[in-house]
Amino acid sequence: MQDLSKYQHPRFARMYERMSVQADGSTAELRGRLLAGLSGRVVEVGAGNGLNFPHYPAAVTEVVAVEPDHLLRAAAERATATAPVRVVVVPGHADSLPYEEDAFDAVVMSLVLCSVPDQQVTLMEARRVLRPGGELRFFEHVRSPSPVRGSLQDLITPLWRRLAGGCHPNRETATAIGAGGLVIEEHERFIHQPMGGSPRLTHILGRARNVA
């Protein structure tokens, strides 16, 4: 059994659960686009409180939802009741998925690559469990291409990381995905404000393929 003690952020988890539900009015459409066209067996890494679950298409035979935080995982388990496909919620973390190589047709990462300790370790693990030709779907907030905004993100990251469960708002995630051996086939970059009063952050949404 994995030791998940260092992944527990109860204050942030309670805040995230509340705010993510409030923000879902503007984010739900993006979640639907993230998951459109998926099929087969999927692992969602860092499933949070399960807000992606309603958007999985019928061609998905099973979603294995991995979440390290106890509070968020309990919320995700409750969310399975209304999911349109089979969802199994399991404890675990992104850097050591408890599955064999080539076990999944797709890996989904949604607002999680900002907070993992090491993006390359996480992406290598995602590639390990992804079958050849399988897809990584990603939706993340990233460093702004604006020099001024990007520098501001760099400046606030140390404090932001401590307050927001390890989140780094200044990561170059698309570059990391390519460096991890996955080929990005399409992605878009846009400004998204989840809810009134929240920061307007640069996000990316797209898909990459395991070509090896």
N, C-alpha and C. Protein backbone atom coordinates (compact mmCIF):
# COMPACT_ATOMS: atom_id res chain seq x y z
N MET A 1 0.84 -1.19 0.00
CA MET A 1 0.00 0.00 0.00
C MET A 1 0.88 1.25 0.00
N GLN A 2 0.56 2.18 -0.89
CA GLN A 2 1.37 3.38 -1.01
C GLN A 2 1.16 4.30 0.20
N ASP A 3 2.23 4.97 0.61
CA ASP A 3 2.14 5.97 1.67
C ASP A 3 1.75 7.30 1.00
N LEU A 4 0.56 7.76 1.29
CA LEU A 4 0.04 8.98 0.66
C LEU A 4 0.02 10.16 1.62
N SER A 5 0.71 10.04 2.74
CA SER A 5 0.63 11.08 3.78
C SER A 5 1.13 12.44 3.27
N LYS A 6 2.15 12.46 2.42
CA LYS A 6 2.68 13.75 1.97
C LYS A 6 1.79 14.42 0.93
N TYR A 7 0.77 13.71 0.48
CA TYR A 7 -0.14 14.27 -0.52
C TYR A 7 -1.43 14.81 0.10
N GLN A 8 -1.49 14.86 1.42
CA GLN A 8 -2.71 15.33 2.08
C GLN A 8 -2.62 16.83 2.35
N HIS A 9 -3.58 17.56 1.81
CA HIS A 9 -3.68 19.01 2.01
C HIS A 9 -5.14 19.33 2.34
N PRO A 10 -5.60 18.98 3.54
CA PRO A 10 -7.03 19.06 3.84
C PRO A 10 -7.63 20.46 3.68
N ARG A 11 -6.90 21.48 4.06
CA ARG A 11 -7.46 22.84 3.92
C ARG A 11 -7.63 23.19 2.45
N PHE A 12 -6.61 22.90 1.64
CA PHE A 12 -6.72 23.16 0.21
C PHE A 12 -7.79 22.28 -0.43
N ALA A 13 -7.87 21.01 -0.03
CA ALA A 13 -8.85 20.10 -0.62
C ALA A 13 -10.27 20.60 -0.39
N ARG A 14 -10.57 21.07 0.80
CA ARG A 14 -11.92 21.60 1.07
C ARG A 14 -12.19 22.84 0.23
N MET A 15 -11.18 23.71 0.13
CA MET A 15 -11.35 24.92 -0.68
C MET A 15 -11.51 24.57 -2.15
N TYR A 16 -10.69 23.62 -2.63
CA TYR A 16 -10.76 23.24 -4.04
C TYR A 16 -12.10 22.61 -4.38
N GLU A 17 -12.60 21.75 -3.51
CA GLU A 17 -13.89 21.11 -3.80
C GLU A 17 -14.98 22.16 -3.93
N ARG A 18 -15.00 23.12 -3.03
CA ARG A 18 -16.03 24.17 -3.06
C ARG A 18 -15.89 25.05 -4.31
N MET A 19 -14.67 25.50 -4.58
CA MET A 19 -14.46 26.44 -5.68
C MET A 19 -14.60 25.76 -7.04
N SER A 20 -14.18 24.52 -7.16
CA SER A 20 -14.27 23.84 -8.45
C SER A 20 -15.73 23.61 -8.85
N VAL A 21 -16.58 23.34 -7.87
CA VAL A 21 -18.00 23.19 -8.16
C VAL A 21 -18.59 24.52 -8.60
N GLN A 22 -18.21 25.59 -7.93
CA GLN A 22 -18.69 26.92 -8.32
C GLN A 22 -18.23 27.31 -9.72
N ALA A 23 -17.02 26.88 -10.08
CA ALA A 23 -16.44 27.24 -11.37
C ALA A 23 -16.88 26.34 -12.50
N ASP A 24 -17.61 25.29 -12.19
CA ASP A 24 -17.91 24.29 -13.22
C ASP A 24 -18.84 24.82 -14.30
N GLY A 25 -19.56 25.89 -14.01
CA GLY A 25 -20.39 26.48 -15.06
C GLY A 25 -19.59 26.92 -16.26
N SER A 26 -18.38 27.44 -16.03
CA SER A 26 -17.54 27.89 -17.14
C SER A 26 -16.54 26.82 -17.58
N THR A 27 -16.28 25.84 -16.74
CA THR A 27 -15.26 24.84 -17.03
C THR A 27 -15.83 23.56 -17.61
N ALA A 28 -17.12 23.30 -17.41
CA ALA A 28 -17.72 22.04 -17.86
C ALA A 28 -17.55 21.84 -19.36
N GLU A 29 -17.70 22.91 -20.13
CA GLU A 29 -17.57 22.78 -21.58
C GLU A 29 -16.15 22.35 -21.96
N LEU A 30 -15.17 22.85 -21.24
CA LEU A 30 -13.78 22.47 -21.49
C LEU A 30 -13.53 21.01 -21.11
N ARG A 31 -14.15 20.56 -20.05
CA ARG A 31 -14.02 19.16 -19.65
C ARG A 31 -14.61 18.25 -20.72
N GLY A 32 -15.75 18.66 -21.28
CA GLY A 32 -16.36 17.88 -22.34
C GLY A 32 -15.47 17.78 -23.56
N ARG A 33 -14.85 18.88 -23.93
CA ARG A 33 -13.93 18.87 -25.08
C ARG A 33 -12.70 18.03 -24.79
N LEU A 34 -12.23 18.07 -23.56
CA LEU A 34 -11.05 17.28 -23.18
C LEU A 34 -11.28 15.79 -23.41
N LEU A 35 -12.47 15.32 -23.11
CA LEU A 35 -12.74 13.88 -23.10
C LEU A 35 -13.45 13.37 -24.35
N ALA A 36 -13.85 14.26 -25.22
CA ALA A 36 -14.61 13.87 -26.41
C ALA A 36 -13.83 12.87 -27.26
N GLY A 37 -14.51 11.81 -27.69
CA GLY A 37 -13.91 10.85 -28.59
C GLY A 37 -13.10 9.76 -27.94
N LEU A 38 -12.99 9.76 -26.62
CA LEU A 38 -12.24 8.69 -25.95
C LEU A 38 -13.01 7.37 -26.02
N SER A 39 -12.25 6.28 -25.95
CA SER A 39 -12.86 4.96 -25.94
C SER A 39 -11.94 4.00 -25.20
N GLY A 40 -12.49 2.84 -24.83
CA GLY A 40 -11.68 1.82 -24.18
C GLY A 40 -11.46 2.10 -22.70
N ARG A 41 -10.34 1.63 -22.19
CA ARG A 41 -10.02 1.74 -20.76
C ARG A 41 -9.16 2.98 -20.53
N VAL A 42 -9.57 3.80 -19.58
CA VAL A 42 -8.93 5.10 -19.33
C VAL A 42 -8.48 5.18 -17.88
N VAL A 43 -7.30 5.76 -17.65
CA VAL A 43 -6.90 6.11 -16.29
C VAL A 43 -6.88 7.63 -16.20
N GLU A 44 -7.60 8.16 -15.22
CA GLU A 44 -7.55 9.59 -14.94
C GLU A 44 -6.66 9.80 -13.73
N VAL A 45 -5.58 10.50 -13.94
CA VAL A 45 -4.56 10.69 -12.90
C VAL A 45 -4.83 12.01 -12.19
N GLY A 46 -5.02 11.95 -10.88
CA GLY A 46 -5.37 13.15 -10.13
C GLY A 46 -6.81 13.54 -10.41
N ALA A 47 -7.73 12.64 -10.12
CA ALA A 47 -9.14 12.84 -10.49
C ALA A 47 -9.85 13.87 -9.64
N GLY A 48 -9.23 14.31 -8.54
CA GLY A 48 -9.85 15.33 -7.70
C GLY A 48 -11.19 14.86 -7.17
N ASN A 49 -12.20 15.74 -7.27
CA ASN A 49 -13.53 15.41 -6.77
C ASN A 49 -14.47 14.88 -7.84
N GLY A 50 -13.91 14.46 -8.98
CA GLY A 50 -14.68 13.73 -9.96
C GLY A 50 -15.52 14.56 -10.91
N LEU A 51 -15.16 15.82 -11.12
CA LEU A 51 -15.97 16.66 -11.99
C LEU A 51 -15.88 16.27 -13.47
N ASN A 52 -14.86 15.51 -13.82
CA ASN A 52 -14.78 15.02 -15.21
C ASN A 52 -15.74 13.86 -15.48
N PHE A 53 -16.15 13.15 -14.46
CA PHE A 53 -16.87 11.89 -14.67
C PHE A 53 -18.11 12.03 -15.56
N PRO A 54 -18.93 13.07 -15.42
CA PRO A 54 -20.13 13.14 -16.26
C PRO A 54 -19.86 13.32 -17.75
N HIS A 55 -18.62 13.63 -18.11
CA HIS A 55 -18.30 13.98 -19.49
C HIS A 55 -17.66 12.83 -20.28
N TYR A 56 -17.48 11.67 -19.65
CA TYR A 56 -16.89 10.56 -20.39
C TYR A 56 -17.90 10.00 -21.38
N PRO A 57 -17.47 9.79 -22.64
CA PRO A 57 -18.40 9.25 -23.64
C PRO A 57 -18.67 7.77 -23.44
N ALA A 58 -19.77 7.31 -24.03
CA ALA A 58 -20.23 5.95 -23.81
C ALA A 58 -19.25 4.89 -24.31
N ALA A 59 -18.38 5.26 -25.26
CA ALA A 59 -17.41 4.29 -25.79
C ALA A 59 -16.31 3.94 -24.80
N VAL A 60 -16.22 4.67 -23.69
CA VAL A 60 -15.26 4.34 -22.64
C VAL A 60 -15.81 3.17 -21.82
N THR A 61 -15.04 2.09 -21.74
CA THR A 61 -15.51 0.90 -21.04
C THR A 61 -15.26 0.96 -19.54
N GLU A 62 -14.21 1.67 -19.13
CA GLU A 62 -13.91 1.81 -17.71
C GLU A 62 -12.99 3.00 -17.50
N VAL A 63 -13.24 3.75 -16.44
CA VAL A 63 -12.34 4.80 -15.98
C VAL A 63 -11.78 4.38 -14.63
N VAL A 64 -10.47 4.31 -14.54
CA VAL A 64 -9.80 4.12 -13.26
C VAL A 64 -9.33 5.49 -12.81
N ALA A 65 -9.92 6.00 -11.74
CA ALA A 65 -9.66 7.36 -11.27
C ALA A 65 -8.72 7.30 -10.08
N VAL A 66 -7.50 7.78 -10.26
CA VAL A 66 -6.47 7.73 -9.23
C VAL A 66 -6.41 9.09 -8.53
N GLU A 67 -6.54 9.10 -7.22
CA GLU A 67 -6.50 10.35 -6.45
C GLU A 67 -5.82 10.11 -5.11
N PRO A 68 -4.76 10.88 -4.79
CA PRO A 68 -4.05 10.66 -3.53
C PRO A 68 -4.71 11.30 -2.32
N ASP A 69 -5.41 12.42 -2.50
CA ASP A 69 -5.96 13.15 -1.36
C ASP A 69 -7.22 12.45 -0.82
N HIS A 70 -7.24 12.19 0.47
CA HIS A 70 -8.34 11.42 1.04
C HIS A 70 -9.68 12.12 0.90
N LEU A 71 -9.72 13.43 1.15
CA LEU A 71 -10.98 14.16 1.08
C LEU A 71 -11.51 14.23 -0.35
N LEU A 72 -10.63 14.54 -1.29
CA LEU A 72 -11.06 14.62 -2.68
C LEU A 72 -11.44 13.24 -3.22
N ARG A 73 -10.72 12.21 -2.79
CA ARG A 73 -11.06 10.87 -3.25
C ARG A 73 -12.45 10.45 -2.76
N ALA A 74 -12.79 10.82 -1.54
CA ALA A 74 -14.13 10.51 -1.04
C ALA A 74 -15.20 11.22 -1.87
N ALA A 75 -14.93 12.46 -2.26
CA ALA A 75 -15.87 13.19 -3.11
C ALA A 75 -15.98 12.52 -4.48
N ALA A 76 -14.84 12.06 -5.00
CA ALA A 76 -14.86 11.38 -6.31
C ALA A 76 -15.67 10.09 -6.24
N GLU A 77 -15.55 9.38 -5.14
CA GLU A 77 -16.33 8.14 -4.98
C GLU A 77 -17.82 8.44 -5.00
N ARG A 78 -18.22 9.55 -4.38
CA ARG A 78 -19.64 9.93 -4.42
C ARG A 78 -20.07 10.29 -5.84
N ALA A 79 -19.15 10.89 -6.59
CA ALA A 79 -19.48 11.32 -7.95
C ALA A 79 -19.68 10.15 -8.91
N THR A 80 -19.16 8.98 -8.58
CA THR A 80 -19.33 7.84 -9.48
C THR A 80 -20.80 7.43 -9.63
N ALA A 81 -21.62 7.81 -8.66
CA ALA A 81 -23.02 7.37 -8.67
C ALA A 81 -23.77 7.91 -9.88
N THR A 82 -23.36 9.06 -10.39
CA THR A 82 -24.08 9.66 -11.52
C THR A 82 -23.24 9.65 -12.80
N ALA A 83 -22.12 8.94 -12.80
CA ALA A 83 -21.30 8.86 -14.01
C ALA A 83 -21.98 7.99 -15.06
N PRO A 84 -21.89 8.35 -16.33
CA PRO A 84 -22.54 7.57 -17.39
C PRO A 84 -21.77 6.31 -17.78
N VAL A 85 -20.55 6.16 -17.27
CA VAL A 85 -19.73 4.97 -17.56
C VAL A 85 -19.22 4.42 -16.24
N ARG A 86 -18.65 3.22 -16.30
CA ARG A 86 -18.09 2.60 -15.09
C ARG A 86 -16.85 3.38 -14.65
N VAL A 87 -16.84 3.83 -13.39
CA VAL A 87 -15.70 4.53 -12.81
C VAL A 87 -15.32 3.84 -11.51
N VAL A 88 -14.04 3.52 -11.39
CA VAL A 88 -13.50 2.93 -10.17
C VAL A 88 -12.48 3.91 -9.59
N VAL A 89 -12.71 4.37 -8.38
CA VAL A 89 -11.82 5.33 -7.74
C VAL A 89 -10.84 4.58 -6.84
N VAL A 90 -9.55 4.87 -7.00
CA VAL A 90 -8.52 4.15 -6.24
C VAL A 90 -7.53 5.14 -5.63
N PRO A 91 -6.95 4.80 -4.48
CA PRO A 91 -5.88 5.63 -3.92
C PRO A 91 -4.58 5.41 -4.70
N GLY A 92 -3.81 6.46 -4.84
CA GLY A 92 -2.54 6.36 -5.54
C GLY A 92 -2.05 7.74 -5.94
N HIS A 93 -0.83 7.79 -6.45
CA HIS A 93 -0.30 9.08 -6.88
C HIS A 93 0.36 8.94 -8.24
N ALA A 94 0.57 10.08 -8.88
CA ALA A 94 0.94 10.13 -10.29
C ALA A 94 2.30 9.54 -10.58
N ASP A 95 3.19 9.54 -9.61
CA ASP A 95 4.57 9.11 -9.86
C ASP A 95 4.78 7.62 -9.71
N SER A 96 3.74 6.89 -9.31
CA SER A 96 3.87 5.44 -9.15
C SER A 96 2.49 4.81 -9.29
N LEU A 97 2.03 4.70 -10.52
CA LEU A 97 0.71 4.14 -10.77
C LEU A 97 0.75 2.62 -10.60
N PRO A 98 -0.20 2.06 -9.85
CA PRO A 98 -0.14 0.62 -9.53
C PRO A 98 -0.71 -0.25 -10.65
N TYR A 99 -0.16 -0.07 -11.87
CA TYR A 99 -0.67 -0.82 -13.01
C TYR A 99 0.49 -1.24 -13.90
N GLU A 100 0.24 -2.28 -14.69
CA GLU A 100 1.27 -2.80 -15.57
C GLU A 100 1.44 -1.91 -16.79
N GLU A 101 2.50 -2.18 -17.53
CA GLU A 101 2.74 -1.45 -18.77
C GLU A 101 1.61 -1.70 -19.78
N ASP A 102 1.33 -0.68 -20.57
CA ASP A 102 0.36 -0.78 -21.67
C ASP A 102 -1.03 -1.15 -21.19
N ALA A 103 -1.40 -0.75 -19.97
CA ALA A 103 -2.67 -1.18 -19.37
C ALA A 103 -3.86 -0.35 -19.84
N PHE A 104 -3.62 0.82 -20.45
CA PHE A 104 -4.73 1.73 -20.74
C PHE A 104 -4.68 2.24 -22.17
N ASP A 105 -5.86 2.52 -22.69
CA ASP A 105 -5.98 3.11 -24.02
C ASP A 105 -5.77 4.62 -23.99
N ALA A 106 -5.99 5.24 -22.84
CA ALA A 106 -5.82 6.68 -22.72
C ALA A 106 -5.50 7.05 -21.28
N VAL A 107 -4.75 8.12 -21.13
CA VAL A 107 -4.47 8.73 -19.83
C VAL A 107 -5.04 10.15 -19.86
N VAL A 108 -5.75 10.52 -18.82
CA VAL A 108 -6.31 11.87 -18.70
C VAL A 108 -5.65 12.58 -17.54
N MET A 109 -5.17 13.78 -17.80
CA MET A 109 -4.62 14.64 -16.74
C MET A 109 -5.28 16.00 -16.87
N SER A 110 -6.01 16.37 -15.84
CA SER A 110 -6.79 17.60 -15.85
C SER A 110 -6.45 18.43 -14.62
N LEU A 111 -5.76 19.54 -14.83
CA LEU A 111 -5.37 20.43 -13.74
C LEU A 111 -4.59 19.69 -12.67
N VAL A 112 -3.65 18.85 -13.14
CA VAL A 112 -2.84 18.06 -12.20
C VAL A 112 -1.34 18.22 -12.45
N LEU A 113 -0.93 18.44 -13.69
CA LEU A 113 0.51 18.56 -13.98
C LEU A 113 1.13 19.81 -13.37
N CYS A 114 0.29 20.73 -12.92
CA CYS A 114 0.80 21.91 -12.22
C CYS A 114 1.30 21.58 -10.82
N SER A 115 0.79 20.49 -10.24
CA SER A 115 1.04 20.24 -8.82
C SER A 115 1.89 19.01 -8.53
N VAL A 116 2.20 18.20 -9.53
CA VAL A 116 3.05 17.04 -9.26
C VAL A 116 4.46 17.50 -8.95
N PRO A 117 5.20 16.76 -8.12
CA PRO A 117 6.55 17.19 -7.76
C PRO A 117 7.50 17.32 -8.95
N ASP A 118 7.42 16.38 -9.90
CA ASP A 118 8.32 16.38 -11.04
C ASP A 118 7.53 15.97 -12.28
N GLN A 119 7.33 16.89 -13.20
CA GLN A 119 6.53 16.61 -14.37
C GLN A 119 7.09 15.46 -15.20
N GLN A 120 8.40 15.38 -15.34
CA GLN A 120 8.98 14.34 -16.19
C GLN A 120 8.78 12.95 -15.59
N VAL A 121 8.89 12.83 -14.29
CA VAL A 121 8.63 11.54 -13.65
C VAL A 121 7.18 11.14 -13.88
N THR A 122 6.26 12.08 -13.70
CA THR A 122 4.83 11.80 -13.90
C THR A 122 4.54 11.40 -15.33
N LEU A 123 5.10 12.12 -16.29
CA LEU A 123 4.84 11.83 -17.70
C LEU A 123 5.46 10.51 -18.14
N MET A 124 6.61 10.17 -17.60
CA MET A 124 7.20 8.87 -17.90
C MET A 124 6.32 7.74 -17.37
N GLU A 125 5.73 7.95 -16.21
CA GLU A 125 4.84 6.95 -15.63
C GLU A 125 3.55 6.84 -16.46
N ALA A 126 3.04 7.98 -16.91
CA ALA A 126 1.86 7.94 -17.78
C ALA A 126 2.16 7.19 -19.07
N ARG A 127 3.32 7.43 -19.63
CA ARG A 127 3.69 6.75 -20.88
C ARG A 127 3.86 5.24 -20.64
N ARG A 128 4.34 4.88 -19.47
CA ARG A 128 4.55 3.46 -19.17
C ARG A 128 3.24 2.67 -19.19
N VAL A 129 2.18 3.25 -18.61
CA VAL A 129 0.91 2.52 -18.52
C VAL A 129 0.04 2.70 -19.76
N LEU A 130 0.49 3.55 -20.68
CA LEU A 130 -0.28 3.83 -21.89
C LEU A 130 0.16 2.90 -23.01
N ARG A 131 -0.80 2.25 -23.64
CA ARG A 131 -0.45 1.34 -24.73
C ARG A 131 0.16 2.11 -25.90
N PRO A 132 0.97 1.46 -26.72
CA PRO A 132 1.48 2.12 -27.93
C PRO A 132 0.33 2.62 -28.79
N GLY A 133 0.40 3.86 -29.20
CA GLY A 133 -0.67 4.46 -29.98
C GLY A 133 -1.75 5.10 -29.14
N GLY A 134 -1.72 4.90 -27.82
CA GLY A 134 -2.72 5.49 -26.94
C GLY A 134 -2.52 6.98 -26.77
N GLU A 135 -3.53 7.62 -26.20
CA GLU A 135 -3.54 9.08 -26.09
C GLU A 135 -3.37 9.57 -24.66
N LEU A 136 -2.68 10.68 -24.53
CA LEU A 136 -2.73 11.50 -23.32
C LEU A 136 -3.62 12.69 -23.62
N ARG A 137 -4.66 12.89 -22.83
CA ARG A 137 -5.49 14.09 -22.91
C ARG A 137 -5.10 15.00 -21.75
N PHE A 138 -4.92 16.28 -22.02
CA PHE A 138 -4.46 17.20 -20.98
C PHE A 138 -5.20 18.53 -21.04
N PHE A 139 -5.49 19.06 -19.85
CA PHE A 139 -6.09 20.38 -19.67
C PHE A 139 -5.41 20.98 -18.45
N GLU A 140 -4.60 22.02 -18.66
CA GLU A 140 -3.75 22.54 -17.59
C GLU A 140 -3.62 24.05 -17.70
N HIS A 141 -3.39 24.70 -16.56
CA HIS A 141 -2.98 26.10 -16.62
C HIS A 141 -1.46 26.16 -16.61
N VAL A 142 -0.91 27.11 -17.35
CA VAL A 142 0.52 27.12 -17.66
C VAL A 142 1.07 28.55 -17.58
N ARG A 143 2.37 28.65 -17.77
CA ARG A 143 3.03 29.95 -17.76
C ARG A 143 2.56 30.79 -18.94
N SER A 144 2.29 32.04 -18.70
CA SER A 144 1.85 32.94 -19.75
C SER A 144 2.98 33.21 -20.75
N PRO A 145 2.65 33.31 -22.05
CA PRO A 145 3.68 33.69 -23.02
C PRO A 145 4.08 35.16 -22.92
N SER A 146 3.30 35.95 -22.20
CA SER A 146 3.63 37.36 -21.99
C SER A 146 4.80 37.47 -21.02
N PRO A 147 5.87 38.16 -21.40
CA PRO A 147 7.01 38.28 -20.48
C PRO A 147 6.64 38.88 -19.13
N VAL A 148 5.74 39.86 -19.13
CA VAL A 148 5.37 40.50 -17.87
C VAL A 148 4.55 39.54 -17.01
N ARG A 149 3.53 38.93 -17.60
CA ARG A 149 2.70 38.00 -16.84
C ARG A 149 3.49 36.77 -16.41
N GLY A 150 4.36 36.28 -17.31
CA GLY A 150 5.17 35.13 -16.96
C GLY A 150 6.10 35.41 -15.79
N SER A 151 6.70 36.58 -15.78
CA SER A 151 7.59 36.97 -14.68
C SER A 151 6.82 37.11 -13.38
N LEU A 152 5.59 37.62 -13.47
CA LEU A 152 4.76 37.72 -12.27
C LEU A 152 4.42 36.34 -11.73
N GLN A 153 4.13 35.40 -12.63
CA GLN A 153 3.86 34.03 -12.19
C GLN A 153 5.09 33.43 -11.51
N ASP A 154 6.27 33.67 -12.07
CA ASP A 154 7.50 33.18 -11.44
C ASP A 154 7.64 33.75 -10.03
N LEU A 155 7.28 35.03 -9.89
CA LEU A 155 7.44 35.71 -8.61
C LEU A 155 6.52 35.15 -7.54
N ILE A 156 5.29 34.84 -7.92
CA ILE A 156 4.31 34.41 -6.91
C ILE A 156 4.32 32.90 -6.68
N THR A 157 5.04 32.15 -7.50
CA THR A 157 4.99 30.69 -7.39
C THR A 157 5.37 30.15 -6.01
N PRO A 158 6.42 30.61 -5.36
CA PRO A 158 6.75 30.03 -4.04
C PRO A 158 5.61 30.12 -3.04
N LEU A 159 4.94 31.27 -2.96
CA LEU A 159 3.82 31.42 -2.04
C LEU A 159 2.60 30.65 -2.53
N TRP A 160 2.31 30.75 -3.82
CA TRP A 160 1.16 30.05 -4.42
C TRP A 160 1.27 28.55 -4.16
N ARG A 161 2.47 28.01 -4.32
CA ARG A 161 2.68 26.57 -4.15
C ARG A 161 2.34 26.14 -2.73
N ARG A 162 2.71 26.95 -1.76
CA ARG A 162 2.43 26.59 -0.36
C ARG A 162 0.94 26.67 -0.03
N LEU A 163 0.25 27.63 -0.64
CA LEU A 163 -1.16 27.84 -0.33
C LEU A 163 -2.08 26.93 -1.14
N ALA A 164 -1.61 26.45 -2.29
CA ALA A 164 -2.49 25.76 -3.24
C ALA A 164 -2.10 24.31 -3.47
N GLY A 165 -1.71 23.62 -2.43
CA GLY A 165 -1.48 22.19 -2.54
C GLY A 165 -0.37 21.79 -3.48
N GLY A 166 0.68 22.62 -3.59
CA GLY A 166 1.82 22.30 -4.44
C GLY A 166 1.71 22.80 -5.86
N CYS A 167 0.67 23.58 -6.18
CA CYS A 167 0.46 24.06 -7.55
C CYS A 167 1.54 25.06 -7.97
N HIS A 168 2.08 24.85 -9.18
CA HIS A 168 3.03 25.79 -9.80
C HIS A 168 2.31 26.46 -10.97
N PRO A 169 2.00 27.75 -10.90
CA PRO A 169 1.29 28.41 -11.99
C PRO A 169 2.18 28.78 -13.17
N ASN A 170 3.47 28.49 -13.09
CA ASN A 170 4.41 28.98 -14.11
C ASN A 170 5.09 27.87 -14.90
N ARG A 171 4.48 26.71 -14.98
CA ARG A 171 5.14 25.60 -15.67
C ARG A 171 4.90 25.64 -17.19
N GLU A 172 5.91 25.20 -17.93
CA GLU A 172 5.83 25.09 -19.39
C GLU A 172 5.42 23.66 -19.73
N THR A 173 4.16 23.37 -19.52
CA THR A 173 3.69 21.98 -19.55
C THR A 173 3.73 21.36 -20.94
N ALA A 174 3.41 22.12 -21.97
CA ALA A 174 3.46 21.56 -23.33
C ALA A 174 4.87 21.12 -23.67
N THR A 175 5.85 21.90 -23.28
CA THR A 175 7.25 21.53 -23.52
C THR A 175 7.60 20.25 -22.77
N ALA A 176 7.12 20.15 -21.54
CA ALA A 176 7.40 18.96 -20.73
C ALA A 176 6.78 17.71 -21.34
N ILE A 177 5.57 17.84 -21.88
CA ILE A 177 4.90 16.68 -22.50
C ILE A 177 5.72 16.18 -23.69
N GLY A 178 6.18 17.09 -24.52
CA GLY A 178 7.01 16.69 -25.66
C GLY A 178 8.32 16.08 -25.22
N ALA A 179 8.92 16.63 -24.17
CA ALA A 179 10.19 16.09 -23.68
C ALA A 179 10.01 14.72 -23.04
N GLY A 180 8.78 14.40 -22.63
CA GLY A 180 8.51 13.11 -22.01
C GLY A 180 8.28 11.99 -23.01
N GLY A 181 8.51 12.25 -24.29
CA GLY A 181 8.41 11.20 -25.30
C GLY A 181 7.04 11.04 -25.90
N LEU A 182 6.11 11.95 -25.58
CA LEU A 182 4.77 11.91 -26.15
C LEU A 182 4.68 12.99 -27.25
N VAL A 183 4.04 12.65 -28.34
CA VAL A 183 3.96 13.56 -29.48
C VAL A 183 2.64 14.32 -29.41
N ILE A 184 2.70 15.63 -29.22
CA ILE A 184 1.49 16.44 -29.18
C ILE A 184 0.93 16.55 -30.59
N GLU A 185 -0.30 16.08 -30.75
CA GLU A 185 -0.95 16.12 -32.07
C GLU A 185 -1.78 17.38 -32.25
N GLU A 186 -2.34 17.88 -31.20
CA GLU A 186 -3.05 19.15 -31.27
C GLU A 186 -3.19 19.73 -29.87
N HIS A 187 -3.14 21.03 -29.79
CA HIS A 187 -3.44 21.70 -28.53
C HIS A 187 -3.75 23.16 -28.81
N GLU A 188 -4.49 23.75 -27.91
CA GLU A 188 -4.78 25.17 -28.02
C GLU A 188 -4.44 25.85 -26.71
N ARG A 189 -4.08 27.10 -26.83
CA ARG A 189 -3.70 27.90 -25.67
C ARG A 189 -4.68 29.07 -25.58
N PHE A 190 -5.20 29.33 -24.39
CA PHE A 190 -6.22 30.35 -24.24
C PHE A 190 -6.23 30.86 -22.81
N ILE A 191 -6.86 32.02 -22.64
CA ILE A 191 -7.04 32.58 -21.31
C ILE A 191 -8.37 32.08 -20.76
N HIS A 192 -8.35 31.59 -19.54
CA HIS A 192 -9.57 31.09 -18.91
C HIS A 192 -9.68 31.65 -17.51
N GLN A 193 -10.85 32.19 -17.20
CA GLN A 193 -11.16 32.65 -15.85
C GLN A 193 -12.28 31.78 -15.31
N PRO A 194 -11.99 30.83 -14.44
CA PRO A 194 -13.00 29.88 -14.01
C PRO A 194 -14.23 30.51 -13.37
N MET A 195 -14.01 31.60 -12.62
CA MET A 195 -15.13 32.24 -11.93
C MET A 195 -14.78 33.68 -11.66
N GLY A 196 -15.80 34.49 -11.45
CA GLY A 196 -15.56 35.90 -11.19
C GLY A 196 -14.68 36.12 -9.97
N GLY A 197 -13.69 36.97 -10.12
CA GLY A 197 -12.76 37.24 -9.03
C GLY A 197 -11.54 36.35 -9.01
N SER A 198 -11.54 35.26 -9.79
CA SER A 198 -10.37 34.38 -9.85
C SER A 198 -9.39 34.91 -10.89
N PRO A 199 -8.13 34.53 -10.82
CA PRO A 199 -7.14 35.02 -11.79
C PRO A 199 -7.46 34.55 -13.21
N ARG A 200 -7.14 35.39 -14.18
CA ARG A 200 -7.23 35.01 -15.59
C ARG A 200 -5.90 34.39 -15.97
N LEU A 201 -5.90 33.07 -16.16
CA LEU A 201 -4.66 32.33 -16.39
C LEU A 201 -4.64 31.71 -17.78
N THR A 202 -3.45 31.59 -18.33
CA THR A 202 -3.27 30.88 -19.59
C THR A 202 -3.44 29.38 -19.36
N HIS A 203 -4.23 28.74 -20.20
CA HIS A 203 -4.47 27.30 -20.13
C HIS A 203 -4.12 26.66 -21.46
N ILE A 204 -3.86 25.37 -21.43
CA ILE A 204 -3.73 24.59 -22.65
C ILE A 204 -4.66 23.39 -22.56
N LEU A 205 -5.18 22.98 -23.70
CA LEU A 205 -6.04 21.80 -23.79
C LEU A 205 -5.67 21.07 -25.07
N GLY A 206 -5.43 19.78 -24.96
CA GLY A 206 -5.04 19.06 -26.18
C GLY A 206 -4.85 17.58 -25.96
N ARG A 207 -4.19 16.97 -26.94
CA ARG A 207 -3.94 15.53 -26.87
C ARG A 207 -2.56 15.23 -27.44
N ALA A 208 -1.95 14.21 -26.88
CA ALA A 208 -0.64 13.73 -27.34
C ALA A 208 -0.72 12.22 -27.46
N ARG A 209 0.16 11.65 -28.29
CA ARG A 209 0.09 10.22 -28.56
C ARG A 209 1.40 9.55 -28.18
N ASN A 210 1.25 8.33 -27.66
CA ASN A 210 2.39 7.49 -27.36
C ASN A 210 2.78 6.74 -28.64
N VAL A 211 3.77 7.25 -29.35
CA VAL A 211 4.10 6.68 -30.66
C VAL A 211 5.10 5.55 -30.57
N ALA A 212 5.69 5.35 -29.41
CA ALA A 212 6.71 4.30 -29.26
C ALA A 212 6.05 2.94 -29.18
